[in-house]
Amino acid sequence: MLDTSLAPLRLALVAEDPLARGALSRVLGEQGTELLVVAAGTQAELESTRGEPVDVVLWDTGLRPADPEARLEAPDLGGPVLALVADETSGEQVLATGVRGLLFRDVAPAPLTAALLAVSRGLAVYEPGLAELRAPASRSGPATGTLGPDALTPREREVLALLAEGLSNKAIADRLSISDHTAKFHVNAVLSKLGVQRRTEAVVRAARMGLVTL
């Protein structure tokens, strides 16, 4: 049971389909005082406006799997992301973006609320039918490359861990009590040392190298 003495969970709802967005907003609004939807919209809308901080992001990825040729990016809104997927195929694609949880889109309201709370606290939550999607990445072993165990500085390891939580540069800066400019500098250094160009790629590669746990 959720602890209703806690402050409401501040949530951003991301869904491209307005009907799905409306339905989820109603469902979440009916969960009493545990949840507070502070922003709802498409990924582009919410990333461009960058409103008030959130504790967790709920991302409805839609009915159809993303185009395998397109680069899929999880919403970058400063909070860990729980994704709702239609099936295993789309789940595998979404997992690669570094989300903290995967549930099927038909999840009941109570488990969804509990999962959002867990993800907001840094836990990973996976539908039983989707949990095994993590296995190939863990069995694949470290990625090839020249990155050695001491290549990342202690600060860069801290930044990498926060990237794995889905935090934005500003949120990383706030967490580490550093400037936004310094946070961006460290993030760029991590990307460079891991040989990637995107934050989500850094998290996926770092997980495969055993540097972080998704």
N, C-alpha and C. Protein backbone atom coordinates (compact mmCIF):
# COMPACT_ATOMS: atom_id res chain seq x y z
N MET A 1 0.84 -1.20 0.00
CA MET A 1 0.00 0.00 0.00
C MET A 1 0.88 1.25 0.00
N LEU A 2 0.47 2.24 -0.79
CA LEU A 2 1.25 3.46 -0.85
C LEU A 2 1.09 4.26 0.43
N ASP A 3 2.14 4.94 0.82
CA ASP A 3 2.11 5.77 2.02
C ASP A 3 1.52 7.12 1.68
N THR A 4 0.26 7.34 2.07
CA THR A 4 -0.42 8.57 1.70
C THR A 4 0.06 9.77 2.50
N SER A 5 0.96 9.53 3.48
CA SER A 5 1.49 10.67 4.22
C SER A 5 2.57 11.39 3.44
N LEU A 6 3.06 10.75 2.39
CA LEU A 6 4.09 11.36 1.58
C LEU A 6 3.48 12.42 0.67
N ALA A 7 4.32 13.35 0.22
CA ALA A 7 3.87 14.35 -0.74
C ALA A 7 3.51 13.64 -2.04
N PRO A 8 2.57 14.19 -2.80
CA PRO A 8 2.18 13.54 -4.06
C PRO A 8 3.37 13.39 -5.00
N LEU A 9 3.34 12.33 -5.75
CA LEU A 9 4.37 12.07 -6.75
C LEU A 9 4.12 12.99 -7.94
N ARG A 10 5.09 13.82 -8.26
CA ARG A 10 4.96 14.77 -9.37
C ARG A 10 5.33 14.06 -10.67
N LEU A 11 4.37 13.99 -11.58
CA LEU A 11 4.51 13.13 -12.74
C LEU A 11 4.31 13.90 -14.03
N ALA A 12 5.14 13.57 -15.05
CA ALA A 12 4.94 14.08 -16.41
C ALA A 12 4.45 12.92 -17.27
N LEU A 13 3.38 13.15 -17.99
CA LEU A 13 2.78 12.12 -18.83
C LEU A 13 3.08 12.43 -20.29
N VAL A 14 3.76 11.51 -20.95
CA VAL A 14 4.15 11.68 -22.35
C VAL A 14 3.42 10.66 -23.20
N ALA A 15 2.63 11.13 -24.16
CA ALA A 15 1.93 10.24 -25.09
C ALA A 15 1.63 11.02 -26.36
N GLU A 16 1.94 10.43 -27.51
CA GLU A 16 1.68 11.10 -28.77
C GLU A 16 0.20 11.10 -29.11
N ASP A 17 -0.52 10.05 -28.69
CA ASP A 17 -1.94 9.92 -28.98
C ASP A 17 -2.76 10.68 -27.94
N PRO A 18 -3.50 11.71 -28.34
CA PRO A 18 -4.26 12.49 -27.36
C PRO A 18 -5.32 11.68 -26.63
N LEU A 19 -5.89 10.66 -27.30
CA LEU A 19 -6.89 9.82 -26.64
C LEU A 19 -6.25 8.99 -25.53
N ALA A 20 -5.09 8.42 -25.83
CA ALA A 20 -4.38 7.65 -24.82
C ALA A 20 -3.94 8.54 -23.67
N ARG A 21 -3.51 9.74 -24.02
CA ARG A 21 -3.06 10.70 -23.00
C ARG A 21 -4.22 11.07 -22.07
N GLY A 22 -5.39 11.30 -22.66
CA GLY A 22 -6.55 11.65 -21.87
C GLY A 22 -6.98 10.51 -20.96
N ALA A 23 -6.97 9.28 -21.50
CA ALA A 23 -7.37 8.13 -20.70
C ALA A 23 -6.42 7.91 -19.53
N LEU A 24 -5.12 8.04 -19.79
CA LEU A 24 -4.15 7.86 -18.71
C LEU A 24 -4.27 8.97 -17.67
N SER A 25 -4.53 10.18 -18.12
CA SER A 25 -4.70 11.29 -17.18
C SER A 25 -5.87 11.03 -16.23
N ARG A 26 -6.96 10.50 -16.78
CA ARG A 26 -8.13 10.19 -15.95
C ARG A 26 -7.80 9.09 -14.95
N VAL A 27 -7.14 8.04 -15.44
CA VAL A 27 -6.79 6.92 -14.57
C VAL A 27 -5.88 7.38 -13.44
N LEU A 28 -4.88 8.16 -13.77
CA LEU A 28 -3.94 8.63 -12.75
C LEU A 28 -4.61 9.59 -11.78
N GLY A 29 -5.54 10.40 -12.30
CA GLY A 29 -6.24 11.35 -11.45
C GLY A 29 -7.17 10.68 -10.46
N GLU A 30 -7.55 9.45 -10.74
CA GLU A 30 -8.45 8.71 -9.85
C GLU A 30 -7.73 7.95 -8.76
N GLN A 31 -6.39 8.08 -8.72
CA GLN A 31 -5.61 7.33 -7.73
C GLN A 31 -5.44 8.07 -6.41
N GLY A 32 -6.36 9.00 -6.12
CA GLY A 32 -6.30 9.72 -4.85
C GLY A 32 -5.22 10.78 -4.85
N THR A 33 -4.57 10.92 -3.70
CA THR A 33 -3.58 11.99 -3.53
C THR A 33 -2.15 11.53 -3.78
N GLU A 34 -1.97 10.27 -4.22
CA GLU A 34 -0.62 9.75 -4.40
C GLU A 34 0.09 10.36 -5.61
N LEU A 35 -0.68 10.71 -6.64
CA LEU A 35 -0.10 11.18 -7.90
C LEU A 35 -0.59 12.58 -8.23
N LEU A 36 0.31 13.36 -8.81
CA LEU A 36 -0.04 14.70 -9.28
C LEU A 36 0.56 14.87 -10.67
N VAL A 37 -0.29 14.89 -11.69
CA VAL A 37 0.18 15.08 -13.06
C VAL A 37 0.44 16.57 -13.26
N VAL A 38 1.70 16.94 -13.35
CA VAL A 38 2.06 18.36 -13.49
C VAL A 38 2.28 18.76 -14.94
N ALA A 39 2.39 17.77 -15.84
CA ALA A 39 2.57 18.07 -17.26
C ALA A 39 2.10 16.88 -18.07
N ALA A 40 1.44 17.16 -19.19
CA ALA A 40 0.99 16.11 -20.09
C ALA A 40 1.04 16.63 -21.51
N GLY A 41 1.57 15.83 -22.42
CA GLY A 41 1.66 16.26 -23.80
C GLY A 41 2.51 15.30 -24.60
N THR A 42 2.85 15.70 -25.82
CA THR A 42 3.74 14.89 -26.64
C THR A 42 5.17 15.07 -26.15
N GLN A 43 6.04 14.20 -26.59
CA GLN A 43 7.44 14.30 -26.17
C GLN A 43 8.05 15.63 -26.62
N ALA A 44 7.78 16.03 -27.84
CA ALA A 44 8.35 17.29 -28.35
C ALA A 44 7.83 18.48 -27.56
N GLU A 45 6.54 18.47 -27.24
CA GLU A 45 5.96 19.59 -26.50
C GLU A 45 6.59 19.74 -25.12
N LEU A 46 6.68 18.64 -24.40
CA LEU A 46 7.16 18.72 -23.03
C LEU A 46 8.67 19.00 -22.97
N GLU A 47 9.43 18.45 -23.91
CA GLU A 47 10.87 18.71 -23.91
C GLU A 47 11.17 20.15 -24.30
N SER A 48 10.30 20.77 -25.10
CA SER A 48 10.54 22.14 -25.52
C SER A 48 10.13 23.15 -24.45
N THR A 49 9.11 22.81 -23.65
CA THR A 49 8.65 23.77 -22.64
C THR A 49 9.42 23.66 -21.34
N ARG A 50 9.84 22.44 -20.96
CA ARG A 50 10.64 22.25 -19.74
C ARG A 50 10.03 22.95 -18.54
N GLY A 51 8.88 22.46 -18.10
CA GLY A 51 8.19 23.05 -16.98
C GLY A 51 8.82 22.70 -15.64
N GLU A 52 7.99 22.65 -14.60
CA GLU A 52 8.48 22.40 -13.26
C GLU A 52 9.06 20.99 -13.13
N PRO A 53 9.96 20.78 -12.17
CA PRO A 53 10.61 19.48 -12.01
C PRO A 53 9.60 18.37 -11.71
N VAL A 54 9.93 17.16 -12.13
CA VAL A 54 9.06 16.01 -11.89
C VAL A 54 9.85 14.91 -11.19
N ASP A 55 9.12 14.03 -10.51
CA ASP A 55 9.74 12.89 -9.83
C ASP A 55 9.86 11.69 -10.75
N VAL A 56 8.96 11.58 -11.72
CA VAL A 56 8.94 10.42 -12.60
C VAL A 56 8.22 10.79 -13.89
N VAL A 57 8.57 10.09 -14.96
CA VAL A 57 7.94 10.31 -16.27
C VAL A 57 7.25 9.03 -16.71
N LEU A 58 5.98 9.12 -17.07
CA LEU A 58 5.26 7.99 -17.64
C LEU A 58 5.18 8.20 -19.14
N TRP A 59 5.74 7.26 -19.89
CA TRP A 59 5.86 7.37 -21.34
C TRP A 59 5.04 6.28 -22.02
N ASP A 60 3.94 6.67 -22.64
CA ASP A 60 3.14 5.72 -23.42
C ASP A 60 3.70 5.70 -24.83
N THR A 61 4.27 4.57 -25.23
CA THR A 61 4.96 4.50 -26.52
C THR A 61 4.03 4.17 -27.68
N GLY A 62 2.75 3.94 -27.41
CA GLY A 62 1.80 3.74 -28.49
C GLY A 62 1.52 2.29 -28.82
N LEU A 63 0.65 2.09 -29.79
CA LEU A 63 0.21 0.75 -30.16
C LEU A 63 1.20 0.01 -31.05
N ARG A 64 1.90 0.76 -31.88
CA ARG A 64 2.78 0.12 -32.86
C ARG A 64 4.24 0.30 -32.47
N PRO A 65 5.06 -0.73 -32.72
CA PRO A 65 6.49 -0.56 -32.46
C PRO A 65 7.06 0.57 -33.29
N ALA A 66 8.09 1.19 -32.75
CA ALA A 66 8.75 2.26 -33.49
C ALA A 66 9.43 1.70 -34.73
N ASP A 67 9.64 2.55 -35.72
CA ASP A 67 10.35 2.16 -36.93
C ASP A 67 11.75 1.68 -36.54
N PRO A 68 12.10 0.43 -36.86
CA PRO A 68 13.42 -0.09 -36.47
C PRO A 68 14.57 0.75 -36.99
N GLU A 69 14.34 1.48 -38.10
CA GLU A 69 15.40 2.29 -38.68
C GLU A 69 15.53 3.65 -37.99
N ALA A 70 14.51 4.03 -37.23
CA ALA A 70 14.53 5.34 -36.58
C ALA A 70 15.21 5.23 -35.22
N ARG A 71 15.86 6.30 -34.82
CA ARG A 71 16.51 6.35 -33.51
C ARG A 71 15.48 6.76 -32.46
N LEU A 72 15.25 5.87 -31.50
CA LEU A 72 14.26 6.12 -30.47
C LEU A 72 14.93 6.72 -29.24
N GLU A 73 14.37 7.79 -28.73
CA GLU A 73 14.91 8.47 -27.55
C GLU A 73 13.84 8.55 -26.48
N ALA A 74 14.20 8.20 -25.25
CA ALA A 74 13.27 8.36 -24.14
C ALA A 74 13.10 9.84 -23.84
N PRO A 75 11.95 10.24 -23.29
CA PRO A 75 11.75 11.65 -22.92
C PRO A 75 12.81 12.12 -21.93
N ASP A 76 13.39 13.27 -22.20
CA ASP A 76 14.41 13.85 -21.33
C ASP A 76 13.77 15.00 -20.56
N LEU A 77 13.14 14.66 -19.43
CA LEU A 77 12.40 15.65 -18.65
C LEU A 77 12.89 15.77 -17.23
N GLY A 78 14.06 15.23 -16.95
CA GLY A 78 14.65 15.40 -15.64
C GLY A 78 14.25 14.37 -14.61
N GLY A 79 13.50 13.35 -15.01
CA GLY A 79 13.10 12.31 -14.06
C GLY A 79 13.24 10.94 -14.70
N PRO A 80 13.31 9.88 -13.88
CA PRO A 80 13.39 8.52 -14.42
C PRO A 80 12.11 8.18 -15.18
N VAL A 81 12.23 7.31 -16.18
CA VAL A 81 11.13 7.05 -17.11
C VAL A 81 10.59 5.63 -16.94
N LEU A 82 9.27 5.52 -16.81
CA LEU A 82 8.57 4.24 -16.86
C LEU A 82 7.81 4.22 -18.18
N ALA A 83 8.08 3.22 -19.01
CA ALA A 83 7.48 3.16 -20.34
C ALA A 83 6.37 2.12 -20.40
N LEU A 84 5.32 2.45 -21.12
CA LEU A 84 4.24 1.51 -21.41
C LEU A 84 4.38 1.08 -22.86
N VAL A 85 4.43 -0.23 -23.09
CA VAL A 85 4.65 -0.75 -24.44
C VAL A 85 3.54 -1.72 -24.82
N ALA A 86 3.36 -1.89 -26.14
CA ALA A 86 2.28 -2.74 -26.63
C ALA A 86 2.64 -4.22 -26.59
N ASP A 87 3.90 -4.55 -26.82
CA ASP A 87 4.30 -5.95 -26.89
C ASP A 87 5.80 -6.08 -26.69
N GLU A 88 6.30 -7.34 -26.79
CA GLU A 88 7.71 -7.59 -26.55
C GLU A 88 8.60 -6.92 -27.58
N THR A 89 8.13 -6.84 -28.83
CA THR A 89 8.95 -6.23 -29.88
C THR A 89 9.24 -4.77 -29.57
N SER A 90 8.19 -4.04 -29.26
CA SER A 90 8.40 -2.63 -28.92
C SER A 90 9.13 -2.49 -27.59
N GLY A 91 8.91 -3.44 -26.68
CA GLY A 91 9.61 -3.41 -25.40
C GLY A 91 11.10 -3.50 -25.56
N GLU A 92 11.55 -4.34 -26.48
CA GLU A 92 12.99 -4.49 -26.71
C GLU A 92 13.59 -3.20 -27.25
N GLN A 93 12.87 -2.53 -28.13
CA GLN A 93 13.37 -1.27 -28.68
C GLN A 93 13.42 -0.19 -27.60
N VAL A 94 12.38 -0.11 -26.80
CA VAL A 94 12.30 0.93 -25.78
C VAL A 94 13.33 0.70 -24.68
N LEU A 95 13.60 -0.56 -24.35
CA LEU A 95 14.57 -0.87 -23.30
C LEU A 95 15.94 -0.27 -23.63
N ALA A 96 16.28 -0.24 -24.91
CA ALA A 96 17.59 0.28 -25.32
C ALA A 96 17.73 1.77 -25.09
N THR A 97 16.64 2.47 -24.79
CA THR A 97 16.73 3.91 -24.56
C THR A 97 17.12 4.25 -23.13
N GLY A 98 17.23 3.24 -22.27
CA GLY A 98 17.65 3.49 -20.90
C GLY A 98 16.54 3.77 -19.92
N VAL A 99 15.30 3.38 -20.25
CA VAL A 99 14.20 3.60 -19.31
C VAL A 99 14.40 2.75 -18.06
N ARG A 100 13.76 3.17 -16.96
CA ARG A 100 13.90 2.47 -15.68
C ARG A 100 12.86 1.39 -15.48
N GLY A 101 11.84 1.35 -16.33
CA GLY A 101 10.81 0.34 -16.17
C GLY A 101 10.04 0.13 -17.45
N LEU A 102 9.48 -1.08 -17.59
CA LEU A 102 8.67 -1.44 -18.74
C LEU A 102 7.42 -2.17 -18.25
N LEU A 103 6.26 -1.70 -18.67
CA LEU A 103 5.00 -2.38 -18.39
C LEU A 103 4.19 -2.43 -19.68
N PHE A 104 3.30 -3.42 -19.76
CA PHE A 104 2.39 -3.45 -20.91
C PHE A 104 1.35 -2.34 -20.77
N ARG A 105 0.84 -1.88 -21.90
CA ARG A 105 -0.08 -0.73 -21.90
C ARG A 105 -1.40 -1.03 -21.20
N ASP A 106 -1.75 -2.30 -21.05
CA ASP A 106 -3.02 -2.63 -20.40
C ASP A 106 -2.87 -2.88 -18.90
N VAL A 107 -1.78 -2.40 -18.31
CA VAL A 107 -1.57 -2.57 -16.88
C VAL A 107 -2.71 -1.91 -16.10
N ALA A 108 -3.11 -2.56 -15.00
CA ALA A 108 -4.18 -2.02 -14.16
C ALA A 108 -3.70 -0.79 -13.40
N PRO A 109 -4.62 0.08 -12.97
CA PRO A 109 -4.23 1.32 -12.29
C PRO A 109 -3.39 1.12 -11.03
N ALA A 110 -3.75 0.16 -10.18
CA ALA A 110 -3.01 -0.01 -8.92
C ALA A 110 -1.56 -0.42 -9.15
N PRO A 111 -1.30 -1.45 -9.98
CA PRO A 111 0.11 -1.79 -10.25
C PRO A 111 0.87 -0.67 -10.93
N LEU A 112 0.19 0.09 -11.79
CA LEU A 112 0.84 1.20 -12.47
C LEU A 112 1.28 2.25 -11.46
N THR A 113 0.40 2.58 -10.52
CA THR A 113 0.73 3.56 -9.50
C THR A 113 1.90 3.09 -8.65
N ALA A 114 1.88 1.82 -8.26
CA ALA A 114 2.97 1.27 -7.45
C ALA A 114 4.29 1.29 -8.23
N ALA A 115 4.21 0.99 -9.52
CA ALA A 115 5.42 0.98 -10.35
C ALA A 115 6.00 2.38 -10.48
N LEU A 116 5.14 3.38 -10.65
CA LEU A 116 5.60 4.75 -10.76
C LEU A 116 6.31 5.19 -9.48
N LEU A 117 5.76 4.81 -8.34
CA LEU A 117 6.39 5.14 -7.06
C LEU A 117 7.75 4.47 -6.95
N ALA A 118 7.83 3.20 -7.35
CA ALA A 118 9.09 2.47 -7.26
C ALA A 118 10.16 3.09 -8.16
N VAL A 119 9.78 3.41 -9.39
CA VAL A 119 10.73 4.01 -10.34
C VAL A 119 11.20 5.37 -9.84
N SER A 120 10.30 6.14 -9.25
CA SER A 120 10.68 7.45 -8.73
C SER A 120 11.70 7.34 -7.62
N ARG A 121 11.74 6.20 -6.95
CA ARG A 121 12.69 5.98 -5.86
C ARG A 121 13.97 5.28 -6.31
N GLY A 122 14.15 5.16 -7.62
CA GLY A 122 15.39 4.61 -8.15
C GLY A 122 15.37 3.13 -8.43
N LEU A 123 14.21 2.49 -8.27
CA LEU A 123 14.11 1.06 -8.52
C LEU A 123 13.79 0.80 -9.99
N ALA A 124 14.10 -0.39 -10.46
CA ALA A 124 13.75 -0.80 -11.81
C ALA A 124 12.55 -1.73 -11.74
N VAL A 125 11.57 -1.50 -12.59
CA VAL A 125 10.33 -2.28 -12.57
C VAL A 125 10.07 -2.83 -13.96
N TYR A 126 9.86 -4.15 -14.04
CA TYR A 126 9.60 -4.78 -15.33
C TYR A 126 8.44 -5.75 -15.22
N GLU A 127 7.54 -5.69 -16.19
CA GLU A 127 6.49 -6.68 -16.33
C GLU A 127 7.16 -8.05 -16.43
N PRO A 128 6.62 -9.09 -15.75
CA PRO A 128 7.24 -10.42 -15.84
C PRO A 128 7.49 -10.87 -17.27
N GLY A 129 6.56 -10.57 -18.17
CA GLY A 129 6.73 -10.99 -19.55
C GLY A 129 7.77 -10.19 -20.31
N LEU A 130 8.25 -9.09 -19.71
CA LEU A 130 9.25 -8.24 -20.36
C LEU A 130 10.60 -8.30 -19.67
N ALA A 131 10.64 -8.85 -18.46
CA ALA A 131 11.89 -8.85 -17.69
C ALA A 131 13.01 -9.58 -18.41
N GLU A 132 12.67 -10.63 -19.15
CA GLU A 132 13.71 -11.42 -19.82
C GLU A 132 14.37 -10.67 -20.97
N LEU A 133 13.78 -9.55 -21.38
CA LEU A 133 14.40 -8.76 -22.43
C LEU A 133 15.74 -8.20 -21.99
N ARG A 134 15.95 -8.11 -20.68
CA ARG A 134 17.21 -7.58 -20.16
C ARG A 134 18.33 -8.59 -20.29
N ALA A 135 17.99 -9.87 -20.42
CA ALA A 135 19.00 -10.93 -20.39
C ALA A 135 20.03 -10.84 -21.51
N PRO A 136 19.64 -10.61 -22.79
CA PRO A 136 20.66 -10.56 -23.84
C PRO A 136 21.72 -9.52 -23.58
N ALA A 137 21.33 -8.36 -23.05
CA ALA A 137 22.32 -7.31 -22.80
C ALA A 137 23.29 -7.74 -21.73
N SER A 138 22.79 -8.42 -20.68
CA SER A 138 23.67 -8.81 -19.60
C SER A 138 24.59 -9.95 -19.99
N ARG A 139 24.13 -10.78 -20.98
CA ARG A 139 24.95 -11.91 -21.39
C ARG A 139 25.96 -11.54 -22.46
N SER A 140 25.78 -10.38 -23.06
CA SER A 140 26.62 -10.02 -24.20
C SER A 140 28.03 -9.65 -23.79
N GLY A 141 28.23 -9.36 -22.49
CA GLY A 141 29.55 -9.04 -22.01
C GLY A 141 29.92 -7.61 -22.30
N PRO A 142 31.11 -7.20 -21.86
CA PRO A 142 31.52 -5.82 -22.05
C PRO A 142 31.64 -5.46 -23.52
N ALA A 143 31.32 -4.24 -23.83
CA ALA A 143 31.48 -3.78 -25.20
C ALA A 143 32.96 -3.66 -25.51
N THR A 144 33.29 -3.87 -26.77
CA THR A 144 34.68 -3.76 -27.17
C THR A 144 35.07 -2.30 -27.23
N GLY A 145 36.34 -2.02 -27.08
CA GLY A 145 36.78 -0.64 -27.13
C GLY A 145 37.99 -0.44 -26.25
N THR A 146 38.45 0.78 -26.13
CA THR A 146 39.67 1.06 -25.39
C THR A 146 39.40 1.61 -24.00
N LEU A 147 38.13 1.71 -23.62
CA LEU A 147 37.80 2.28 -22.32
C LEU A 147 38.24 1.33 -21.21
N GLY A 148 39.18 1.78 -20.40
CA GLY A 148 39.67 0.97 -19.30
C GLY A 148 38.93 1.27 -18.02
N PRO A 149 39.17 0.48 -16.96
CA PRO A 149 38.45 0.67 -15.70
C PRO A 149 38.71 2.02 -15.05
N ASP A 150 39.86 2.66 -15.37
CA ASP A 150 40.19 3.94 -14.75
C ASP A 150 39.99 5.11 -15.71
N ALA A 151 39.33 4.87 -16.86
CA ALA A 151 39.20 5.93 -17.85
C ALA A 151 38.27 7.04 -17.37
N LEU A 152 37.26 6.69 -16.60
CA LEU A 152 36.34 7.70 -16.07
C LEU A 152 36.82 8.17 -14.71
N THR A 153 36.78 9.47 -14.52
CA THR A 153 37.13 10.03 -13.21
C THR A 153 36.00 9.73 -12.22
N PRO A 154 36.26 9.84 -10.91
CA PRO A 154 35.18 9.64 -9.93
C PRO A 154 33.96 10.51 -10.20
N ARG A 155 34.19 11.78 -10.57
CA ARG A 155 33.07 12.66 -10.87
C ARG A 155 32.31 12.20 -12.09
N GLU A 156 33.03 11.74 -13.11
CA GLU A 156 32.37 11.25 -14.32
C GLU A 156 31.55 10.00 -14.03
N ARG A 157 32.02 9.17 -13.10
CA ARG A 157 31.23 7.99 -12.71
C ARG A 157 29.95 8.42 -12.00
N GLU A 158 30.04 9.47 -11.20
CA GLU A 158 28.83 9.99 -10.55
C GLU A 158 27.84 10.49 -11.60
N VAL A 159 28.37 11.22 -12.57
CA VAL A 159 27.53 11.75 -13.64
C VAL A 159 26.90 10.61 -14.43
N LEU A 160 27.68 9.58 -14.73
CA LEU A 160 27.16 8.44 -15.47
C LEU A 160 26.03 7.76 -14.70
N ALA A 161 26.19 7.61 -13.40
CA ALA A 161 25.14 6.99 -12.58
C ALA A 161 23.86 7.82 -12.63
N LEU A 162 23.99 9.14 -12.65
CA LEU A 162 22.82 10.00 -12.71
C LEU A 162 22.19 9.99 -14.10
N LEU A 163 23.02 9.84 -15.13
CA LEU A 163 22.48 9.66 -16.48
C LEU A 163 21.64 8.39 -16.54
N ALA A 164 22.10 7.34 -15.87
CA ALA A 164 21.35 6.08 -15.85
C ALA A 164 20.01 6.23 -15.13
N GLU A 165 19.90 7.23 -14.26
CA GLU A 165 18.63 7.51 -13.58
C GLU A 165 17.70 8.33 -14.47
N GLY A 166 18.21 8.76 -15.62
CA GLY A 166 17.40 9.53 -16.54
C GLY A 166 17.37 11.02 -16.27
N LEU A 167 18.35 11.51 -15.51
CA LEU A 167 18.35 12.93 -15.15
C LEU A 167 18.89 13.81 -16.28
N SER A 168 18.36 15.00 -16.38
CA SER A 168 18.84 15.99 -17.34
C SER A 168 20.12 16.64 -16.82
N ASN A 169 20.78 17.43 -17.67
CA ASN A 169 21.99 18.13 -17.24
C ASN A 169 21.71 19.03 -16.04
N LYS A 170 20.59 19.73 -16.08
CA LYS A 170 20.25 20.63 -14.97
C LYS A 170 20.02 19.84 -13.68
N ALA A 171 19.32 18.71 -13.79
CA ALA A 171 19.07 17.89 -12.60
C ALA A 171 20.37 17.31 -12.05
N ILE A 172 21.29 16.96 -12.95
CA ILE A 172 22.60 16.46 -12.52
C ILE A 172 23.35 17.57 -11.79
N ALA A 173 23.29 18.76 -12.35
CA ALA A 173 23.96 19.90 -11.72
C ALA A 173 23.40 20.14 -10.31
N ASP A 174 22.08 20.08 -10.19
CA ASP A 174 21.45 20.29 -8.88
C ASP A 174 21.84 19.20 -7.90
N ARG A 175 21.85 17.96 -8.37
CA ARG A 175 22.16 16.83 -7.49
C ARG A 175 23.61 16.90 -6.98
N LEU A 176 24.52 17.33 -7.85
CA LEU A 176 25.93 17.35 -7.49
C LEU A 176 26.41 18.72 -7.01
N SER A 177 25.48 19.68 -6.95
CA SER A 177 25.81 21.04 -6.51
C SER A 177 26.93 21.65 -7.36
N ILE A 178 26.78 21.53 -8.67
CA ILE A 178 27.72 22.11 -9.61
C ILE A 178 26.93 22.97 -10.59
N SER A 179 27.62 23.75 -11.40
CA SER A 179 26.94 24.60 -12.36
C SER A 179 26.42 23.78 -13.53
N ASP A 180 25.43 24.33 -14.24
CA ASP A 180 24.92 23.65 -15.43
C ASP A 180 26.02 23.45 -16.46
N HIS A 181 26.88 24.45 -16.59
CA HIS A 181 27.98 24.36 -17.55
C HIS A 181 28.92 23.21 -17.20
N THR A 182 29.25 23.07 -15.91
CA THR A 182 30.14 21.99 -15.49
C THR A 182 29.49 20.63 -15.70
N ALA A 183 28.19 20.55 -15.43
CA ALA A 183 27.47 19.29 -15.63
C ALA A 183 27.51 18.89 -17.10
N LYS A 184 27.29 19.88 -17.99
CA LYS A 184 27.34 19.60 -19.42
C LYS A 184 28.73 19.15 -19.84
N PHE A 185 29.76 19.78 -19.26
CA PHE A 185 31.13 19.40 -19.56
C PHE A 185 31.38 17.94 -19.20
N HIS A 186 30.95 17.54 -18.00
CA HIS A 186 31.17 16.16 -17.55
C HIS A 186 30.38 15.16 -18.40
N VAL A 187 29.14 15.53 -18.75
CA VAL A 187 28.33 14.64 -19.59
C VAL A 187 29.01 14.43 -20.94
N ASN A 188 29.50 15.51 -21.54
CA ASN A 188 30.19 15.40 -22.83
C ASN A 188 31.45 14.55 -22.72
N ALA A 189 32.15 14.67 -21.58
CA ALA A 189 33.35 13.86 -21.38
C ALA A 189 33.00 12.39 -21.28
N VAL A 190 31.91 12.08 -20.59
CA VAL A 190 31.46 10.68 -20.47
C VAL A 190 31.10 10.12 -21.85
N LEU A 191 30.36 10.90 -22.63
CA LEU A 191 29.98 10.45 -23.97
C LEU A 191 31.21 10.19 -24.82
N SER A 192 32.17 11.10 -24.73
CA SER A 192 33.38 10.96 -25.53
C SER A 192 34.16 9.72 -25.15
N LYS A 193 34.32 9.48 -23.86
CA LYS A 193 35.10 8.33 -23.40
C LYS A 193 34.41 7.01 -23.72
N LEU A 194 33.08 7.03 -23.76
CA LEU A 194 32.34 5.81 -24.09
C LEU A 194 32.20 5.63 -25.60
N GLY A 195 32.62 6.65 -26.36
CA GLY A 195 32.57 6.54 -27.81
C GLY A 195 31.18 6.60 -28.39
N VAL A 196 30.29 7.37 -27.75
CA VAL A 196 28.92 7.50 -28.24
C VAL A 196 28.57 8.98 -28.37
N GLN A 197 27.42 9.24 -28.99
CA GLN A 197 27.00 10.63 -29.21
C GLN A 197 25.77 11.00 -28.42
N ARG A 198 25.04 10.00 -27.92
CA ARG A 198 23.79 10.28 -27.22
C ARG A 198 23.84 9.75 -25.80
N ARG A 199 23.07 10.40 -24.93
CA ARG A 199 23.04 10.03 -23.52
C ARG A 199 22.53 8.60 -23.33
N THR A 200 21.46 8.25 -24.05
CA THR A 200 20.90 6.92 -23.88
C THR A 200 21.87 5.84 -24.37
N GLU A 201 22.61 6.15 -25.43
CA GLU A 201 23.61 5.20 -25.91
C GLU A 201 24.70 5.01 -24.85
N ALA A 202 25.05 6.09 -24.16
CA ALA A 202 26.06 6.00 -23.10
C ALA A 202 25.59 5.07 -21.99
N VAL A 203 24.31 5.21 -21.60
CA VAL A 203 23.77 4.38 -20.52
C VAL A 203 23.75 2.92 -20.93
N VAL A 204 23.29 2.65 -22.15
CA VAL A 204 23.22 1.26 -22.62
C VAL A 204 24.61 0.64 -22.68
N ARG A 205 25.57 1.38 -23.24
CA ARG A 205 26.92 0.83 -23.34
C ARG A 205 27.54 0.64 -21.96
N ALA A 206 27.34 1.61 -21.08
CA ALA A 206 27.88 1.50 -19.73
C ALA A 206 27.29 0.30 -18.99
N ALA A 207 26.00 0.04 -19.22
CA ALA A 207 25.37 -1.11 -18.58
C ALA A 207 25.99 -2.41 -19.08
N ARG A 208 26.26 -2.47 -20.36
CA ARG A 208 26.87 -3.68 -20.93
C ARG A 208 28.30 -3.87 -20.46
N MET A 209 28.94 -2.77 -20.08
CA MET A 209 30.31 -2.84 -19.57
C MET A 209 30.35 -3.05 -18.06
N GLY A 210 29.16 -3.06 -17.45
CA GLY A 210 29.10 -3.26 -16.00
C GLY A 210 29.39 -2.02 -15.19
N LEU A 211 29.34 -0.84 -15.83
CA LEU A 211 29.63 0.40 -15.12
C LEU A 211 28.41 0.93 -14.38
N VAL A 212 27.22 0.61 -14.88
CA VAL A 212 25.97 0.99 -14.21
C VAL A 212 25.01 -0.18 -14.30
N THR A 213 23.97 -0.14 -13.47
CA THR A 213 22.93 -1.15 -13.50
C THR A 213 21.61 -0.51 -13.86
N LEU A 214 20.98 -1.05 -14.90
CA LEU A 214 19.69 -0.50 -15.32
C LEU A 214 18.56 -1.17 -14.55
